[in-house]
Amino acid sequence: MSNDEAAPVVEAERGCVDEAAEAGVELLLPREVPLGGPRAMPVLRVLPNKHRHMVGAWCFADAFGPEDVTAHGGMDVPPHPHTGLQTVSWLVAGSIEHRDSVGSVHTVAPGGVNVMTAGRGIAHSEHSTPETTSLHGVQLWVALPEAQRWIEPHFAGLDAVPTVSVGDATVQVFAGSLGVLHAEVPVHTPIVGAEVRLPAGGVAEVPADPSFEHGVLALTEGLVVGGVPVPVGGMAVMAPGDDLVRIHADADAAGDVVAILLGGEPFAEEIVMFWNFVGTTHDDVAAARESWMRERDAGAEARERFGVVPGGEPTLPSPRLPDVELLPRGRARRR
């Protein structure tokens, strides 16, 4: 069976990417993937991407929603492990309860943020709250540098983050620093994570650290970055050198245009990513997988690395490792 429409779609996407490059913007297009267990919620994943793996230390970016939770069930992710990274959860609508194996329980809602530092290993679950009817937001990961990759796991949750007006935009900083604003959550490399919200036709020149590369992820239609339209779930990436990120909202946008600004110093290290594990080598992620699969069937006293998430839910199994060695990769395109 063939798909006669596939070639035109690919050509159209390539044309968008090429036009963006002529404007000095690297346009990354997302792919749809299922998130979680048997009742998986669809998300748009833009990092890692076949053309770029990271923006600063940001190594993973999923956009989701607006999702009608009453029709599709929302987020329902049973206990699962992480190593070598930080997870960052930011919402535009709805709320999600986080539980983890170091004893943290925190519900994140719009205006607040959850940051979980996996370090040597942690497990957690994430579920939409009963009162949530619509879910909209992002799930992000930050790669830990090798010196901090195996630190003890910990969690930080904020109910409010610093906010500032920039041009026509309202900017909320949920990770790192933007100008004089600083989010009071732990980070281990110089980064920024912020929501930028604009009314239709609005314009903002957001101050930027010229040593950072930046990516602007679209959560709604109508986002334009550096003159380049960015589709929902897509990301406009700019190389270091500019001290402003120019963002505007299409005048015909149906409502507020919401974007996520990510940035950081180009991440110099190479990493190996497999499933929910980040390591330095193939052996690192293979050992993490082996530990998880062994511990998930063991009693609480035998779960030394990943611990137990309160609630008694069944845990997610890891996929099988590929039959070839996973090679370390940097922030640029795949080897």
C-alpha atoms as a PDB file:
ATOM      1  CA  MET A   1       0.000   0.000   0.000  1.00  0.00           C
ATOM      2  CA  SER A   2       1.416   3.413  -0.943  1.00  0.00           C
ATOM      3  CA  ASN A   3       0.680   6.942   0.224  1.00  0.00           C
ATOM      4  CA  ASP A   4       0.535   9.290  -2.756  1.00  0.00           C
ATOM      5  CA  GLU A   5       0.246  12.316  -0.449  1.00  0.00           C
ATOM      6  CA  ALA A   6       3.478  11.657   1.435  1.00  0.00           C
ATOM      7  CA  ALA A   7       5.862  13.203  -1.100  1.00  0.00           C
ATOM      8  CA  PRO A   8       3.978  16.552  -1.387  1.00  0.00           C
ATOM      9  CA  VAL A   9       3.832  16.816   2.414  1.00  0.00           C
ATOM     10  CA  VAL A  10       7.573  16.210   2.734  1.00  0.00           C
ATOM     11  CA  GLU A  11       8.297  18.769   0.013  1.00  0.00           C
ATOM     12  CA  ALA A  12       6.066  21.351   1.723  1.00  0.00           C
ATOM     13  CA  GLU A  13       7.829  20.805   5.056  1.00  0.00           C
ATOM     14  CA  ARG A  14      11.232  21.110   3.415  1.00  0.00           C
ATOM     15  CA  GLY A  15      10.121  24.340   1.788  1.00  0.00           C
ATOM     16  CA  CYS A  16       9.097  25.819   5.176  1.00  0.00           C
ATOM     17  CA  VAL A  17      12.415  24.824   6.713  1.00  0.00           C
ATOM     18  CA  ASP A  18      14.411  26.259   3.799  1.00  0.00           C
ATOM     19  CA  GLU A  19      12.503  29.559   3.891  1.00  0.00           C
ATOM     20  CA  ALA A  20      13.146  29.842   7.628  1.00  0.00           C
ATOM     21  CA  ALA A  21      16.862  29.204   7.132  1.00  0.00           C
ATOM     22  CA  GLU A  22      17.008  32.066   4.618  1.00  0.00           C
ATOM     23  CA  ALA A  23      15.633  34.317   7.407  1.00  0.00           C
ATOM     24  CA  GLY A  24      18.341  33.111   9.821  1.00  0.00           C
ATOM     25  CA  VAL A  25      16.013  30.818  11.804  1.00  0.00           C
ATOM     26  CA  GLU A  26      16.359  27.048  12.180  1.00  0.00           C
ATOM     27  CA  LEU A  27      12.795  25.707  12.075  1.00  0.00           C
ATOM     28  CA  LEU A  28      12.220  22.358  13.789  1.00  0.00           C
ATOM     29  CA  LEU A  29       8.989  20.507  13.021  1.00  0.00           C
ATOM     30  CA  PRO A  30       7.445  18.142  15.593  1.00  0.00           C
ATOM     31  CA  ARG A  31       6.225  14.569  15.332  1.00  0.00           C
ATOM     32  CA  GLU A  32       3.218  13.122  17.155  1.00  0.00           C
ATOM     33  CA  VAL A  33       3.966  10.399  19.706  1.00  0.00           C
ATOM     34  CA  PRO A  34       1.934   8.713  22.491  1.00  0.00           C
ATOM     35  CA  LEU A  35       2.831   9.669  26.071  1.00  0.00           C
ATOM     36  CA  GLY A  36       2.618   7.211  28.957  1.00  0.00           C
ATOM     37  CA  GLY A  37       0.912   3.874  29.398  1.00  0.00           C
ATOM     38  CA  PRO A  38      -2.100   2.090  27.928  1.00  0.00           C
ATOM     39  CA  ARG A  39      -4.263   5.256  27.828  1.00  0.00           C
ATOM     40  CA  ALA A  40      -1.525   7.299  26.188  1.00  0.00           C
ATOM     41  CA  MET A  41      -2.145  10.973  25.442  1.00  0.00           C
ATOM     42  CA  PRO A  42      -0.828  12.238  22.079  1.00  0.00           C
ATOM     43  CA  VAL A  43       1.911  14.872  22.281  1.00  0.00           C
ATOM     44  CA  LEU A  44       3.974  16.821  19.747  1.00  0.00           C
ATOM     45  CA  ARG A  45       7.678  16.128  20.271  1.00  0.00           C
ATOM     46  CA  VAL A  46      10.123  18.641  18.797  1.00  0.00           C
ATOM     47  CA  LEU A  47      13.251  17.704  20.793  1.00  0.00           C
ATOM     48  CA  PRO A  48      15.156  15.521  20.208  1.00  0.00           C
ATOM     49  CA  ASN A  49      14.782  16.130  16.486  1.00  0.00           C
ATOM     50  CA  LYS A  50      16.494  14.538  13.503  1.00  0.00           C
ATOM     51  CA  HIS A  51      18.137  17.886  12.772  1.00  0.00           C
ATOM     52  CA  ARG A  52      18.960  19.001  16.318  1.00  0.00           C
ATOM     53  CA  HIS A  53      19.124  17.196  19.645  1.00  0.00           C
ATOM     54  CA  MET A  54      19.398  20.065  22.127  1.00  0.00           C
ATOM     55  CA  VAL A  55      18.969  23.788  22.704  1.00  0.00           C
ATOM     56  CA  GLY A  56      21.431  24.644  25.450  1.00  0.00           C
ATOM     57  CA  ALA A  57      20.985  21.806  27.943  1.00  0.00           C
ATOM     58  CA  TRP A  58      17.302  21.385  27.000  1.00  0.00           C
ATOM     59  CA  CYS A  59      17.250  17.911  25.454  1.00  0.00           C
ATOM     60  CA  PHE A  60      13.535  17.028  25.274  1.00  0.00           C
ATOM     61  CA  ALA A  61      10.384  19.030  24.560  1.00  0.00           C
ATOM     62  CA  ASP A  62       6.806  17.760  24.289  1.00  0.00           C
ATOM     63  CA  ALA A  63       3.853  20.070  23.683  1.00  0.00           C
ATOM     64  CA  PHE A  64       0.361  18.822  24.430  1.00  0.00           C
ATOM     65  CA  GLY A  65      -3.174  20.089  24.225  1.00  0.00           C
ATOM     66  CA  PRO A  66      -5.470  21.762  24.491  1.00  0.00           C
ATOM     67  CA  GLU A  67      -6.677  18.244  25.341  1.00  0.00           C
ATOM     68  CA  ASP A  68     -10.322  17.634  26.264  1.00  0.00           C
ATOM     69  CA  VAL A  69      -9.754  15.488  29.343  1.00  0.00           C
ATOM     70  CA  THR A  70     -13.441  14.536  29.561  1.00  0.00           C
ATOM     71  CA  ALA A  71     -13.187  12.908  26.121  1.00  0.00           C
ATOM     72  CA  HIS A  72      -9.638  11.562  26.024  1.00  0.00           C
ATOM     73  CA  GLY A  73      -8.572  10.968  29.627  1.00  0.00           C
ATOM     74  CA  GLY A  74      -5.756  13.521  29.912  1.00  0.00           C
ATOM     75  CA  MET A  75      -2.393  12.647  31.420  1.00  0.00           C
ATOM     76  CA  ASP A  76      -2.212   9.225  33.015  1.00  0.00           C
ATOM     77  CA  VAL A  77       1.441   8.211  33.362  1.00  0.00           C
ATOM     78  CA  PRO A  78       2.172   5.427  35.888  1.00  0.00           C
ATOM     79  CA  PRO A  79       5.448   5.270  37.863  1.00  0.00           C
ATOM     80  CA  HIS A  80       8.494   5.280  35.591  1.00  0.00           C
ATOM     81  CA  PRO A  81      12.201   6.026  36.065  1.00  0.00           C
ATOM     82  CA  HIS A  82      14.647   8.773  35.087  1.00  0.00           C
ATOM     83  CA  THR A  83      18.412   9.241  35.343  1.00  0.00           C
ATOM     84  CA  GLY A  84      20.866  11.988  34.425  1.00  0.00           C
ATOM     85  CA  LEU A  85      18.337  14.748  33.772  1.00  0.00           C
ATOM     86  CA  GLN A  86      15.826  17.213  35.178  1.00  0.00           C
ATOM     87  CA  THR A  87      12.133  17.151  34.236  1.00  0.00           C
ATOM     88  CA  VAL A  88      10.318  20.494  33.982  1.00  0.00           C
ATOM     89  CA  SER A  89       6.509  20.639  33.813  1.00  0.00           C
ATOM     90  CA  TRP A  90       4.730  23.873  32.829  1.00  0.00           C
ATOM     91  CA  LEU A  91       1.003  24.211  32.162  1.00  0.00           C
ATOM     92  CA  VAL A  92      -1.203  26.703  30.349  1.00  0.00           C
ATOM     93  CA  ALA A  93      -4.418  24.960  31.407  1.00  0.00           C
ATOM     94  CA  GLY A  94      -5.354  22.169  33.819  1.00  0.00           C
ATOM     95  CA  SER A  95      -3.367  20.653  36.671  1.00  0.00           C
ATOM     96  CA  ILE A  96      -1.201  17.561  37.149  1.00  0.00           C
ATOM     97  CA  GLU A  97      -0.312  15.746  40.369  1.00  0.00           C
ATOM     98  CA  HIS A  98       3.309  14.637  40.654  1.00  0.00           C
ATOM     99  CA  ARG A  99       4.397  11.863  43.046  1.00  0.00           C
ATOM    100  CA  ASP A 100       7.948  10.565  43.297  1.00  0.00           C
ATOM    101  CA  SER A 101      10.127   8.056  45.099  1.00  0.00           C
ATOM    102  CA  VAL A 102      11.842  10.624  47.330  1.00  0.00           C
ATOM    103  CA  GLY A 103       8.446  11.364  48.900  1.00  0.00           C
ATOM    104  CA  SER A 104       7.405  14.483  46.980  1.00  0.00           C
ATOM    105  CA  VAL A 105       3.761  15.152  46.160  1.00  0.00           C
ATOM    106  CA  HIS A 106       2.947  18.407  44.355  1.00  0.00           C
ATOM    107  CA  THR A 107       0.212  19.578  42.007  1.00  0.00           C
ATOM    108  CA  VAL A 108       1.356  21.911  39.257  1.00  0.00           C
ATOM    109  CA  ALA A 109      -1.104  24.392  37.750  1.00  0.00           C
ATOM    110  CA  PRO A 110      -0.779  27.417  35.441  1.00  0.00           C
ATOM    111  CA  GLY A 111       1.689  29.923  36.870  1.00  0.00           C
ATOM    112  CA  GLY A 112       3.640  27.277  38.786  1.00  0.00           C
ATOM    113  CA  VAL A 113       6.322  24.772  37.854  1.00  0.00           C
ATOM    114  CA  ASN A 114       7.538  21.316  38.837  1.00  0.00           C
ATOM    115  CA  VAL A 115      11.259  20.562  38.537  1.00  0.00           C
ATOM    116  CA  MET A 116      12.476  17.061  39.360  1.00  0.00           C
ATOM    117  CA  THR A 117      16.207  16.351  39.386  1.00  0.00           C
ATOM    118  CA  ALA A 118      16.739  12.666  38.637  1.00  0.00           C
ATOM    119  CA  GLY A 119      20.491  12.486  39.203  1.00  0.00           C
ATOM    120  CA  ARG A 120      21.524   8.859  39.832  1.00  0.00           C
ATOM    121  CA  GLY A 121      17.897   7.691  39.671  1.00  0.00           C
ATOM    122  CA  ILE A 122      14.320   8.485  40.657  1.00  0.00           C
ATOM    123  CA  ALA A 123      10.824   7.271  39.777  1.00  0.00           C
ATOM    124  CA  HIS A 124       7.643   9.339  39.516  1.00  0.00           C
ATOM    125  CA  SER A 125       4.058   9.350  38.289  1.00  0.00           C
ATOM    126  CA  GLU A 126       1.985  12.121  36.712  1.00  0.00           C
ATOM    127  CA  HIS A 127      -1.815  12.258  36.547  1.00  0.00           C
ATOM    128  CA  SER A 128      -4.332  14.920  35.599  1.00  0.00           C
ATOM    129  CA  THR A 129      -6.309  16.003  38.642  1.00  0.00           C
ATOM    130  CA  PRO A 130     -10.032  15.112  38.875  1.00  0.00           C
ATOM    131  CA  GLU A 131     -11.105  18.734  38.425  1.00  0.00           C
ATOM    132  CA  THR A 132      -9.102  19.169  35.194  1.00  0.00           C
ATOM    133  CA  THR A 133     -11.297  19.394  32.081  1.00  0.00           C
ATOM    134  CA  SER A 134      -8.687  20.750  29.639  1.00  0.00           C
ATOM    135  CA  LEU A 135      -4.946  20.100  29.642  1.00  0.00           C
ATOM    136  CA  HIS A 136      -2.427  22.264  27.790  1.00  0.00           C
ATOM    137  CA  GLY A 137       1.290  22.689  28.378  1.00  0.00           C
ATOM    138  CA  VAL A 138       4.789  21.316  27.948  1.00  0.00           C
ATOM    139  CA  GLN A 139       6.969  18.588  29.395  1.00  0.00           C
ATOM    140  CA  LEU A 140      10.674  19.407  29.169  1.00  0.00           C
ATOM    141  CA  TRP A 141      13.968  17.757  30.106  1.00  0.00           C
ATOM    142  CA  VAL A 142      17.313  19.338  30.901  1.00  0.00           C
ATOM    143  CA  ALA A 143      20.440  17.188  30.554  1.00  0.00           C
ATOM    144  CA  LEU A 144      22.628  17.278  33.647  1.00  0.00           C
ATOM    145  CA  PRO A 145      26.336  17.876  33.009  1.00  0.00           C
ATOM    146  CA  GLU A 146      28.553  14.902  33.749  1.00  0.00           C
ATOM    147  CA  ALA A 147      29.781  16.381  37.042  1.00  0.00           C
ATOM    148  CA  GLN A 148      26.202  16.431  38.365  1.00  0.00           C
ATOM    149  CA  ARG A 149      24.756  13.500  36.417  1.00  0.00           C
ATOM    150  CA  TRP A 150      24.813  11.109  39.374  1.00  0.00           C
ATOM    151  CA  ILE A 151      23.865  13.433  42.240  1.00  0.00           C
ATOM    152  CA  GLU A 152      21.143  12.490  44.729  1.00  0.00           C
ATOM    153  CA  PRO A 153      17.614  12.971  43.349  1.00  0.00           C
ATOM    154  CA  HIS A 154      15.452  15.826  44.590  1.00  0.00           C
ATOM    155  CA  PHE A 155      12.336  17.812  43.715  1.00  0.00           C
ATOM    156  CA  ALA A 156      11.217  21.459  43.724  1.00  0.00           C
ATOM    157  CA  GLY A 157       7.689  22.714  43.068  1.00  0.00           C
ATOM    158  CA  LEU A 158       6.631  26.368  42.855  1.00  0.00           C
ATOM    159  CA  ASP A 159       3.073  27.680  42.838  1.00  0.00           C
ATOM    160  CA  ALA A 160       4.134  31.010  41.299  1.00  0.00           C
ATOM    161  CA  VAL A 161       7.118  32.221  39.260  1.00  0.00           C
ATOM    162  CA  PRO A 162       8.544  35.691  38.475  1.00  0.00           C
ATOM    163  CA  THR A 163       6.547  37.642  35.882  1.00  0.00           C
ATOM    164  CA  VAL A 164       7.360  40.745  33.834  1.00  0.00           C
ATOM    165  CA  SER A 165       5.839  42.705  30.939  1.00  0.00           C
ATOM    166  CA  VAL A 166       8.028  42.976  27.831  1.00  0.00           C
ATOM    167  CA  GLY A 167       6.515  45.027  25.030  1.00  0.00           C
ATOM    168  CA  ASP A 168       3.018  43.607  24.525  1.00  0.00           C
ATOM    169  CA  ALA A 169       3.949  40.290  26.155  1.00  0.00           C
ATOM    170  CA  THR A 170       3.568  38.840  29.611  1.00  0.00           C
ATOM    171  CA  VAL A 171       6.662  36.770  30.386  1.00  0.00           C
ATOM    172  CA  GLN A 172       6.818  34.179  33.185  1.00  0.00           C
ATOM    173  CA  VAL A 173      10.246  32.755  34.016  1.00  0.00           C
ATOM    174  CA  PHE A 174      10.029  29.149  35.241  1.00  0.00           C
ATOM    175  CA  ALA A 175      13.679  28.038  34.992  1.00  0.00           C
ATOM    176  CA  GLY A 176      17.017  29.809  35.132  1.00  0.00           C
ATOM    177  CA  SER A 177      17.266  33.560  34.616  1.00  0.00           C
ATOM    178  CA  LEU A 178      15.985  36.185  32.205  1.00  0.00           C
ATOM    179  CA  GLY A 179      17.509  39.595  32.830  1.00  0.00           C
ATOM    180  CA  VAL A 180      17.015  40.317  36.536  1.00  0.00           C
ATOM    181  CA  LEU A 181      14.326  37.659  36.950  1.00  0.00           C
ATOM    182  CA  HIS A 182      15.316  34.304  38.419  1.00  0.00           C
ATOM    183  CA  ALA A 183      13.187  31.217  39.039  1.00  0.00           C
ATOM    184  CA  GLU A 184      13.890  29.713  42.448  1.00  0.00           C
ATOM    185  CA  VAL A 185      14.407  26.160  41.217  1.00  0.00           C
ATOM    186  CA  PRO A 186      17.747  24.340  40.944  1.00  0.00           C
ATOM    187  CA  VAL A 187      19.604  24.356  37.613  1.00  0.00           C
ATOM    188  CA  HIS A 188      23.077  23.031  36.869  1.00  0.00           C
ATOM    189  CA  THR A 189      23.974  24.851  33.646  1.00  0.00           C
ATOM    190  CA  PRO A 190      23.186  28.413  32.498  1.00  0.00           C
ATOM    191  CA  ILE A 191      19.658  28.186  31.018  1.00  0.00           C
ATOM    192  CA  VAL A 192      16.371  30.024  30.715  1.00  0.00           C
ATOM    193  CA  GLY A 193      12.827  28.706  30.420  1.00  0.00           C
ATOM    194  CA  ALA A 194       9.891  31.126  30.137  1.00  0.00           C
ATOM    195  CA  GLU A 195       6.337  31.426  28.869  1.00  0.00           C
ATOM    196  CA  VAL A 196       5.736  34.361  26.520  1.00  0.00           C
ATOM    197  CA  ARG A 197       2.072  35.314  26.044  1.00  0.00           C
ATOM    198  CA  LEU A 198       0.983  37.891  23.464  1.00  0.00           C
ATOM    199  CA  PRO A 199      -2.412  39.262  22.367  1.00  0.00           C
ATOM    200  CA  ALA A 200      -3.262  39.009  18.680  1.00  0.00           C
ATOM    201  CA  GLY A 201      -1.066  41.472  16.795  1.00  0.00           C
ATOM    202  CA  GLY A 202       1.234  41.947  19.794  1.00  0.00           C
ATOM    203  CA  VAL A 203       5.008  42.318  19.568  1.00  0.00           C
ATOM    204  CA  ALA A 204       7.810  41.675  22.052  1.00  0.00           C
ATOM    205  CA  GLU A 205      11.589  41.947  21.918  1.00  0.00           C
ATOM    206  CA  VAL A 206      12.592  39.681  24.772  1.00  0.00           C
ATOM    207  CA  PRO A 207      16.048  40.363  26.277  1.00  0.00           C
ATOM    208  CA  ALA A 208      18.421  37.492  25.574  1.00  0.00           C
ATOM    209  CA  ASP A 209      21.860  36.425  26.738  1.00  0.00           C
ATOM    210  CA  PRO A 210      24.007  36.617  23.572  1.00  0.00           C
ATOM    211  CA  SER A 211      26.033  33.600  24.738  1.00  0.00           C
ATOM    212  CA  PHE A 212      22.865  31.454  24.646  1.00  0.00           C
ATOM    213  CA  GLU A 213      21.251  29.622  21.769  1.00  0.00           C
ATOM    214  CA  HIS A 214      17.471  29.999  21.958  1.00  0.00           C
ATOM    215  CA  GLY A 215      14.427  28.062  20.856  1.00  0.00           C
ATOM    216  CA  VAL A 216      10.851  29.365  20.775  1.00  0.00           C
ATOM    217  CA  LEU A 217       8.208  26.614  20.883  1.00  0.00           C
ATOM    218  CA  ALA A 218       4.642  27.365  19.741  1.00  0.00           C
ATOM    219  CA  LEU A 219       1.815  26.230  22.024  1.00  0.00           C
ATOM    220  CA  THR A 220      -0.878  27.983  19.974  1.00  0.00           C
ATOM    221  CA  GLU A 221      -1.381  29.065  16.385  1.00  0.00           C
ATOM    222  CA  GLY A 222      -0.258  32.504  15.264  1.00  0.00           C
ATOM    223  CA  LEU A 223       3.350  32.567  16.526  1.00  0.00           C
ATOM    224  CA  VAL A 224       5.926  34.367  14.396  1.00  0.00           C
ATOM    225  CA  VAL A 225       9.632  34.454  15.362  1.00  0.00           C
ATOM    226  CA  GLY A 226      12.136  36.538  13.405  1.00  0.00           C
ATOM    227  CA  GLY A 227       9.549  36.842  10.633  1.00  0.00           C
ATOM    228  CA  VAL A 228       9.078  33.048  10.436  1.00  0.00           C
ATOM    229  CA  PRO A 229       5.653  31.468  11.216  1.00  0.00           C
ATOM    230  CA  VAL A 230       6.028  28.598  13.699  1.00  0.00           C
ATOM    231  CA  PRO A 231       3.406  25.808  13.676  1.00  0.00           C
ATOM    232  CA  VAL A 232       1.937  24.444  16.907  1.00  0.00           C
ATOM    233  CA  GLY A 233       4.497  22.133  18.488  1.00  0.00           C
ATOM    234  CA  GLY A 234       7.269  23.485  16.252  1.00  0.00           C
ATOM    235  CA  MET A 235      10.308  25.414  17.391  1.00  0.00           C
ATOM    236  CA  ALA A 236      12.275  28.330  15.941  1.00  0.00           C
ATOM    237  CA  VAL A 237      15.946  28.072  16.928  1.00  0.00           C
ATOM    238  CA  MET A 238      18.424  30.947  16.873  1.00  0.00           C
ATOM    239  CA  ALA A 239      22.195  30.676  17.213  1.00  0.00           C
ATOM    240  CA  PRO A 240      24.110  32.615  19.888  1.00  0.00           C
ATOM    241  CA  GLY A 241      24.929  36.231  19.167  1.00  0.00           C
ATOM    242  CA  ASP A 242      21.706  38.240  19.561  1.00  0.00           C
ATOM    243  CA  ASP A 243      20.701  40.104  22.711  1.00  0.00           C
ATOM    244  CA  LEU A 244      16.995  40.107  21.745  1.00  0.00           C
ATOM    245  CA  VAL A 245      14.513  37.434  20.657  1.00  0.00           C
ATOM    246  CA  ARG A 246      11.891  39.037  18.414  1.00  0.00           C
ATOM    247  CA  ILE A 247       8.451  37.461  18.807  1.00  0.00           C
ATOM    248  CA  HIS A 248       5.106  38.605  17.497  1.00  0.00           C
ATOM    249  CA  ALA A 249       1.560  37.312  17.296  1.00  0.00           C
ATOM    250  CA  ASP A 250      -0.343  37.165  14.040  1.00  0.00           C
ATOM    251  CA  ALA A 251      -3.023  39.843  13.907  1.00  0.00           C
ATOM    252  CA  ASP A 252      -5.568  37.192  12.903  1.00  0.00           C
ATOM    253  CA  ALA A 253      -4.859  34.912  15.887  1.00  0.00           C
ATOM    254  CA  ALA A 254      -8.066  33.676  17.517  1.00  0.00           C
ATOM    255  CA  GLY A 255      -6.860  34.504  21.030  1.00  0.00           C
ATOM    256  CA  ASP A 256      -3.654  34.918  22.981  1.00  0.00           C
ATOM    257  CA  VAL A 257      -0.565  33.472  21.324  1.00  0.00           C
ATOM    258  CA  VAL A 258       1.479  31.417  23.786  1.00  0.00           C
ATOM    259  CA  ALA A 259       5.101  30.404  23.286  1.00  0.00           C
ATOM    260  CA  ILE A 260       7.785  28.753  25.388  1.00  0.00           C
ATOM    261  CA  LEU A 261      11.211  30.384  25.255  1.00  0.00           C
ATOM    262  CA  LEU A 262      14.082  27.989  25.967  1.00  0.00           C
ATOM    263  CA  GLY A 263      17.744  28.931  25.962  1.00  0.00           C
ATOM    264  CA  GLY A 264      21.150  28.099  27.291  1.00  0.00           C
ATOM    265  CA  GLU A 265      24.843  28.041  26.624  1.00  0.00           C
ATOM    266  CA  PRO A 266      25.552  25.474  23.893  1.00  0.00           C
ATOM    267  CA  PHE A 267      25.939  22.157  25.709  1.00  0.00           C
ATOM    268  CA  ALA A 268      29.514  21.011  25.081  1.00  0.00           C
ATOM    269  CA  GLU A 269      29.164  17.422  26.268  1.00  0.00           C
ATOM    270  CA  GLU A 270      27.843  14.465  24.315  1.00  0.00           C
ATOM    271  CA  ILE A 271      25.167  12.294  25.931  1.00  0.00           C
ATOM    272  CA  VAL A 272      23.399   9.007  25.373  1.00  0.00           C
ATOM    273  CA  MET A 273      19.596   9.074  25.625  1.00  0.00           C
ATOM    274  CA  PHE A 274      17.463   5.943  25.801  1.00  0.00           C
ATOM    275  CA  TRP A 275      13.825   5.975  26.919  1.00  0.00           C
ATOM    276  CA  ASN A 276      13.854   8.019  30.170  1.00  0.00           C
ATOM    277  CA  PHE A 277      17.569   7.635  30.848  1.00  0.00           C
ATOM    278  CA  VAL A 278      20.412  10.050  30.099  1.00  0.00           C
ATOM    279  CA  GLY A 279      23.985   8.863  30.525  1.00  0.00           C
ATOM    280  CA  THR A 280      27.507   9.385  29.286  1.00  0.00           C
ATOM    281  CA  THR A 281      27.824   5.982  27.579  1.00  0.00           C
ATOM    282  CA  HIS A 282      25.720   3.106  26.298  1.00  0.00           C
ATOM    283  CA  ASP A 283      26.705   1.146  29.393  1.00  0.00           C
ATOM    284  CA  ASP A 284      25.237   3.886  31.631  1.00  0.00           C
ATOM    285  CA  VAL A 285      21.752   3.636  30.136  1.00  0.00           C
ATOM    286  CA  ALA A 286      21.945  -0.152  29.839  1.00  0.00           C
ATOM    287  CA  ALA A 287      22.761  -0.387  33.552  1.00  0.00           C
ATOM    288  CA  ALA A 288      19.906   2.004  34.415  1.00  0.00           C
ATOM    289  CA  ARG A 289      17.473  -0.095  32.385  1.00  0.00           C
ATOM    290  CA  GLU A 290      18.681  -3.308  34.025  1.00  0.00           C
ATOM    291  CA  SER A 291      18.284  -1.781  37.493  1.00  0.00           C
ATOM    292  CA  TRP A 292      14.772  -0.536  36.741  1.00  0.00           C
ATOM    293  CA  MET A 293      13.544  -3.820  35.296  1.00  0.00           C
ATOM    294  CA  ARG A 294      14.970  -5.720  38.262  1.00  0.00           C
ATOM    295  CA  GLU A 295      13.688  -3.323  40.914  1.00  0.00           C
ATOM    296  CA  ARG A 296      10.155  -2.876  39.531  1.00  0.00           C
ATOM    297  CA  ASP A 297       9.423  -6.522  40.365  1.00  0.00           C
ATOM    298  CA  ALA A 298      11.153  -6.402  43.765  1.00  0.00           C
ATOM    299  CA  GLY A 299       9.957  -5.446  47.206  1.00  0.00           C
ATOM    300  CA  ALA A 300      10.353  -1.892  48.495  1.00  0.00           C
ATOM    301  CA  GLU A 301      13.463  -2.768  50.471  1.00  0.00           C
ATOM    302  CA  ALA A 302      15.230  -3.984  47.292  1.00  0.00           C
ATOM    303  CA  ARG A 303      14.566  -0.851  45.208  1.00  0.00           C
ATOM    304  CA  GLU A 304      17.835   0.826  46.108  1.00  0.00           C
ATOM    305  CA  ARG A 305      18.311   2.935  43.005  1.00  0.00           C
ATOM    306  CA  PHE A 306      14.830   4.079  41.957  1.00  0.00           C
ATOM    307  CA  GLY A 307      12.790   3.670  45.134  1.00  0.00           C
ATOM    308  CA  VAL A 308       9.000   3.426  45.390  1.00  0.00           C
ATOM    309  CA  VAL A 309       6.386   5.925  44.251  1.00  0.00           C
ATOM    310  CA  PRO A 310       3.559   6.128  46.839  1.00  0.00           C
ATOM    311  CA  GLY A 311       0.164   4.877  45.702  1.00  0.00           C
ATOM    312  CA  GLY A 312       0.780   1.266  44.775  1.00  0.00           C
ATOM    313  CA  GLU A 313       0.327   1.694  41.004  1.00  0.00           C
ATOM    314  CA  PRO A 314       1.878  -0.811  38.590  1.00  0.00           C
ATOM    315  CA  THR A 315       5.055   0.574  37.037  1.00  0.00           C
ATOM    316  CA  LEU A 316       5.886   1.044  33.356  1.00  0.00           C
ATOM    317  CA  PRO A 317       8.317  -1.474  31.847  1.00  0.00           C
ATOM    318  CA  SER A 318      11.275  -0.217  29.836  1.00  0.00           C
ATOM    319  CA  PRO A 319      11.434  -0.863  26.103  1.00  0.00           C
ATOM    320  CA  ARG A 320      14.157  -3.234  24.952  1.00  0.00           C
ATOM    321  CA  LEU A 321      17.527  -1.769  24.116  1.00  0.00           C
ATOM    322  CA  PRO A 322      18.414  -1.844  20.403  1.00  0.00           C
ATOM    323  CA  ASP A 323      20.814  -4.524  19.232  1.00  0.00           C
ATOM    324  CA  VAL A 324      23.452  -1.941  18.342  1.00  0.00           C
ATOM    325  CA  GLU A 325      25.525   0.229  20.669  1.00  0.00           C
ATOM    326  CA  LEU A 326      24.020   3.659  21.335  1.00  0.00           C
ATOM    327  CA  LEU A 327      26.602   6.304  20.515  1.00  0.00           C
ATOM    328  CA  PRO A 328      26.970   9.582  22.412  1.00  0.00           C
ATOM    329  CA  ARG A 329      25.632  12.583  20.529  1.00  0.00           C
ATOM    330  CA  GLY A 330      25.943  16.318  20.833  1.00  0.00           C
ATOM    331  CA  ARG A 331      23.416  19.033  20.204  1.00  0.00           C
ATOM    332  CA  ALA A 332      23.752  18.961  16.401  1.00  0.00           C
ATOM    333  CA  ARG A 333      22.318  16.458  13.962  1.00  0.00           C
ATOM    334  CA  ARG A 334      22.767  12.712  14.420  1.00  0.00           C
ATOM    335  CA  ARG A 335      26.033  11.021  13.564  1.00  0.00           C
END
